[in-house]
């Protein structure tokens, strides 16, 4: 993913799924809220991430993702409320085709960072 995991990240979870044309990449970790803004800034998104107050109505319906976060024992970001999300590179440098980020507050001090991409 060409992402540097912050030093204060905890509960690190990752998955890789070899695909026919593209490979699915997942990375999730917990980060102190004080560090999340700097982390997103380093990802250098083309536009600001957007905030979504409620889960997506389509969450859990239709065809499941090829590489869902359930593989990591986590709920999908689409099924969560209070999420800040968006693409952070399309297209990306190197072999990475795209990378999306989602941030979800776990408590007053911590957020879970979800990164999904394809190469």
C-alpha atoms as a PDB file:
ATOM      1  CA  UNK A   1       0.000   0.000   0.000  1.00  0.00           C
ATOM      2  CA  UNK A   2       3.007   2.291   0.354  1.00  0.00           C
ATOM      3  CA  UNK A   3       1.588   3.527   3.670  1.00  0.00           C
ATOM      4  CA  UNK A   4       3.728   4.175   6.730  1.00  0.00           C
ATOM      5  CA  UNK A   5       1.931   2.877   9.789  1.00  0.00           C
ATOM      6  CA  UNK A   6       2.092   5.469  12.573  1.00  0.00           C
ATOM      7  CA  UNK A   7       4.259   4.551  15.569  1.00  0.00           C
ATOM      8  CA  UNK A   8       1.343   4.899  17.994  1.00  0.00           C
ATOM      9  CA  UNK A   9      -0.962   2.590  15.975  1.00  0.00           C
ATOM     10  CA  UNK A  10      -2.318  -0.441  17.820  1.00  0.00           C
ATOM     11  CA  UNK A  11      -4.566  -3.412  16.983  1.00  0.00           C
ATOM     12  CA  UNK A  12      -3.009  -3.717  13.535  1.00  0.00           C
ATOM     13  CA  UNK A  13      -4.879  -6.023  11.123  1.00  0.00           C
ATOM     14  CA  UNK A  14      -4.116  -6.687   7.469  1.00  0.00           C
ATOM     15  CA  UNK A  15      -5.260  -8.935   4.635  1.00  0.00           C
ATOM     16  CA  UNK A  16      -4.149  -9.614   1.099  1.00  0.00           C
ATOM     17  CA  UNK A  17      -6.226 -11.462  -1.480  1.00  0.00           C
ATOM     18  CA  UNK A  18      -4.670 -12.540  -4.764  1.00  0.00           C
ATOM     19  CA  UNK A  19      -7.066 -11.805  -7.589  1.00  0.00           C
ATOM     20  CA  UNK A  20      -7.292 -12.728 -11.258  1.00  0.00           C
ATOM     21  CA  UNK A  21      -6.453  -9.194 -12.413  1.00  0.00           C
ATOM     22  CA  UNK A  22      -6.143  -7.093  -9.254  1.00  0.00           C
ATOM     23  CA  UNK A  23      -5.160  -8.013  -5.714  1.00  0.00           C
ATOM     24  CA  UNK A  24      -7.261  -6.810  -2.774  1.00  0.00           C
ATOM     25  CA  UNK A  25      -5.463  -5.086   0.094  1.00  0.00           C
ATOM     26  CA  UNK A  26      -6.854  -4.279   3.546  1.00  0.00           C
ATOM     27  CA  UNK A  27      -5.249  -2.585   6.509  1.00  0.00           C
ATOM     28  CA  UNK A  28      -6.915  -1.472   9.732  1.00  0.00           C
ATOM     29  CA  UNK A  29      -5.524  -0.147  12.984  1.00  0.00           C
ATOM     30  CA  UNK A  30      -6.447   1.948  15.998  1.00  0.00           C
ATOM     31  CA  UNK A  31      -4.881   5.369  16.332  1.00  0.00           C
ATOM     32  CA  UNK A  32      -5.127   8.130  18.947  1.00  0.00           C
ATOM     33  CA  UNK A  33      -7.484  10.802  17.590  1.00  0.00           C
ATOM     34  CA  UNK A  34      -4.719  13.368  18.010  1.00  0.00           C
ATOM     35  CA  UNK A  35      -2.731  11.496  15.312  1.00  0.00           C
ATOM     36  CA  UNK A  36      -5.454  10.858  12.731  1.00  0.00           C
ATOM     37  CA  UNK A  37      -5.377  14.254  11.010  1.00  0.00           C
ATOM     38  CA  UNK A  38      -1.607  14.083  10.500  1.00  0.00           C
ATOM     39  CA  UNK A  39      -1.921  10.522   9.176  1.00  0.00           C
ATOM     40  CA  UNK A  40      -4.557  11.520   6.607  1.00  0.00           C
ATOM     41  CA  UNK A  41      -2.504  14.569   5.602  1.00  0.00           C
ATOM     42  CA  UNK A  42       0.454  12.253   4.822  1.00  0.00           C
ATOM     43  CA  UNK A  43      -1.808  10.206   2.535  1.00  0.00           C
ATOM     44  CA  UNK A  44      -2.185  13.420   0.517  1.00  0.00           C
ATOM     45  CA  UNK A  45      -5.776  13.056  -0.741  1.00  0.00           C
ATOM     46  CA  UNK A  46      -6.745  15.124  -3.789  1.00  0.00           C
ATOM     47  CA  UNK A  47      -9.806  16.436  -1.934  1.00  0.00           C
ATOM     48  CA  UNK A  48     -10.927  16.447   1.711  1.00  0.00           C
ATOM     49  CA  UNK A  49     -12.489  13.264   3.046  1.00  0.00           C
ATOM     50  CA  UNK A  50     -16.246  13.486   3.533  1.00  0.00           C
ATOM     51  CA  UNK A  51     -18.181  12.811   6.723  1.00  0.00           C
ATOM     52  CA  UNK A  52     -21.139  10.443   6.813  1.00  0.00           C
ATOM     53  CA  UNK A  53     -23.362  10.498   9.922  1.00  0.00           C
ATOM     54  CA  UNK A  54     -25.334   7.300   9.287  1.00  0.00           C
ATOM     55  CA  UNK A  55     -24.545   3.853   7.874  1.00  0.00           C
ATOM     56  CA  UNK A  56     -25.133   3.481   4.162  1.00  0.00           C
ATOM     57  CA  UNK A  57     -28.578   2.065   3.441  1.00  0.00           C
ATOM     58  CA  UNK A  58     -27.009  -0.406   1.006  1.00  0.00           C
ATOM     59  CA  UNK A  59     -24.570  -1.808   3.612  1.00  0.00           C
ATOM     60  CA  UNK A  60     -24.838  -5.577   3.753  1.00  0.00           C
ATOM     61  CA  UNK A  61     -27.126  -5.796   0.727  1.00  0.00           C
ATOM     62  CA  UNK A  62     -26.235  -7.057  -2.688  1.00  0.00           C
ATOM     63  CA  UNK A  63     -23.027  -8.733  -3.754  1.00  0.00           C
ATOM     64  CA  UNK A  64     -20.419  -8.919  -0.972  1.00  0.00           C
ATOM     65  CA  UNK A  65     -17.018  -7.340  -1.510  1.00  0.00           C
ATOM     66  CA  UNK A  66     -14.236  -9.577  -2.715  1.00  0.00           C
ATOM     67  CA  UNK A  67     -12.097  -8.680   0.276  1.00  0.00           C
ATOM     68  CA  UNK A  68     -14.346  -7.528   3.133  1.00  0.00           C
ATOM     69  CA  UNK A  69     -13.079  -6.265   6.475  1.00  0.00           C
ATOM     70  CA  UNK A  70     -15.010  -9.164   8.033  1.00  0.00           C
ATOM     71  CA  UNK A  71     -11.904 -11.225   7.167  1.00  0.00           C
ATOM     72  CA  UNK A  72     -10.214  -9.181   9.867  1.00  0.00           C
ATOM     73  CA  UNK A  73     -13.042  -9.540  12.399  1.00  0.00           C
ATOM     74  CA  UNK A  74     -14.270  -5.978  11.794  1.00  0.00           C
ATOM     75  CA  UNK A  75     -17.519  -4.414  10.652  1.00  0.00           C
ATOM     76  CA  UNK A  76     -17.477  -2.861   7.215  1.00  0.00           C
ATOM     77  CA  UNK A  77     -17.015   0.947   7.296  1.00  0.00           C
ATOM     78  CA  UNK A  78     -20.182   1.249   5.157  1.00  0.00           C
ATOM     79  CA  UNK A  79     -22.204  -0.315   8.007  1.00  0.00           C
ATOM     80  CA  UNK A  80     -20.947   2.186  10.613  1.00  0.00           C
ATOM     81  CA  UNK A  81     -22.240   5.631  11.583  1.00  0.00           C
ATOM     82  CA  UNK A  82     -20.019   8.696  12.060  1.00  0.00           C
ATOM     83  CA  UNK A  83     -17.424   7.818   9.423  1.00  0.00           C
ATOM     84  CA  UNK A  84     -15.066  10.155   7.561  1.00  0.00           C
ATOM     85  CA  UNK A  85     -14.057   8.577   4.273  1.00  0.00           C
ATOM     86  CA  UNK A  86     -12.936   8.931   0.713  1.00  0.00           C
ATOM     87  CA  UNK A  87     -10.304   8.112  -1.870  1.00  0.00           C
ATOM     88  CA  UNK A  88      -6.777   9.097  -0.962  1.00  0.00           C
ATOM     89  CA  UNK A  89      -5.196   8.294  -4.309  1.00  0.00           C
ATOM     90  CA  UNK A  90      -6.682   7.421  -7.679  1.00  0.00           C
ATOM     91  CA  UNK A  91      -4.492   6.393  -9.395  1.00  0.00           C
ATOM     92  CA  UNK A  92      -1.691   5.868  -6.927  1.00  0.00           C
ATOM     93  CA  UNK A  93       2.072   5.656  -7.330  1.00  0.00           C
ATOM     94  CA  UNK A  94       3.678   2.306  -8.075  1.00  0.00           C
ATOM     95  CA  UNK A  95       1.570  -0.804  -8.490  1.00  0.00           C
ATOM     96  CA  UNK A  96      -1.343   0.452  -6.376  1.00  0.00           C
ATOM     97  CA  UNK A  97      -4.421   1.210  -8.541  1.00  0.00           C
ATOM     98  CA  UNK A  98      -6.503   2.965  -5.858  1.00  0.00           C
ATOM     99  CA  UNK A  99      -6.667   3.440  -2.101  1.00  0.00           C
ATOM    100  CA  UNK A 100      -9.629   4.457   0.046  1.00  0.00           C
ATOM    101  CA  UNK A 101      -9.546   5.520   3.698  1.00  0.00           C
ATOM    102  CA  UNK A 102     -12.262   5.504   6.344  1.00  0.00           C
ATOM    103  CA  UNK A 103     -11.953   6.790   9.916  1.00  0.00           C
ATOM    104  CA  UNK A 104     -14.386   5.748  12.642  1.00  0.00           C
ATOM    105  CA  UNK A 105     -14.271   6.988  16.253  1.00  0.00           C
ATOM    106  CA  UNK A 106     -14.059   4.124  18.753  1.00  0.00           C
ATOM    107  CA  UNK A 107     -14.203   6.305  21.860  1.00  0.00           C
ATOM    108  CA  UNK A 108     -13.290   9.845  22.927  1.00  0.00           C
ATOM    109  CA  UNK A 109      -9.557   9.213  22.448  1.00  0.00           C
ATOM    110  CA  UNK A 110      -9.227   6.682  19.590  1.00  0.00           C
ATOM    111  CA  UNK A 111     -10.297   6.095  16.008  1.00  0.00           C
ATOM    112  CA  UNK A 112     -10.072   3.036  13.822  1.00  0.00           C
ATOM    113  CA  UNK A 113      -8.425   3.655  10.471  1.00  0.00           C
ATOM    114  CA  UNK A 114      -9.587   1.462   7.573  1.00  0.00           C
ATOM    115  CA  UNK A 115      -7.590   1.371   4.345  1.00  0.00           C
ATOM    116  CA  UNK A 116      -8.668  -0.641   1.317  1.00  0.00           C
ATOM    117  CA  UNK A 117      -7.033  -0.764  -2.066  1.00  0.00           C
ATOM    118  CA  UNK A 118      -6.201  -2.770  -5.152  1.00  0.00           C
ATOM    119  CA  UNK A 119      -3.009  -3.380  -7.061  1.00  0.00           C
END
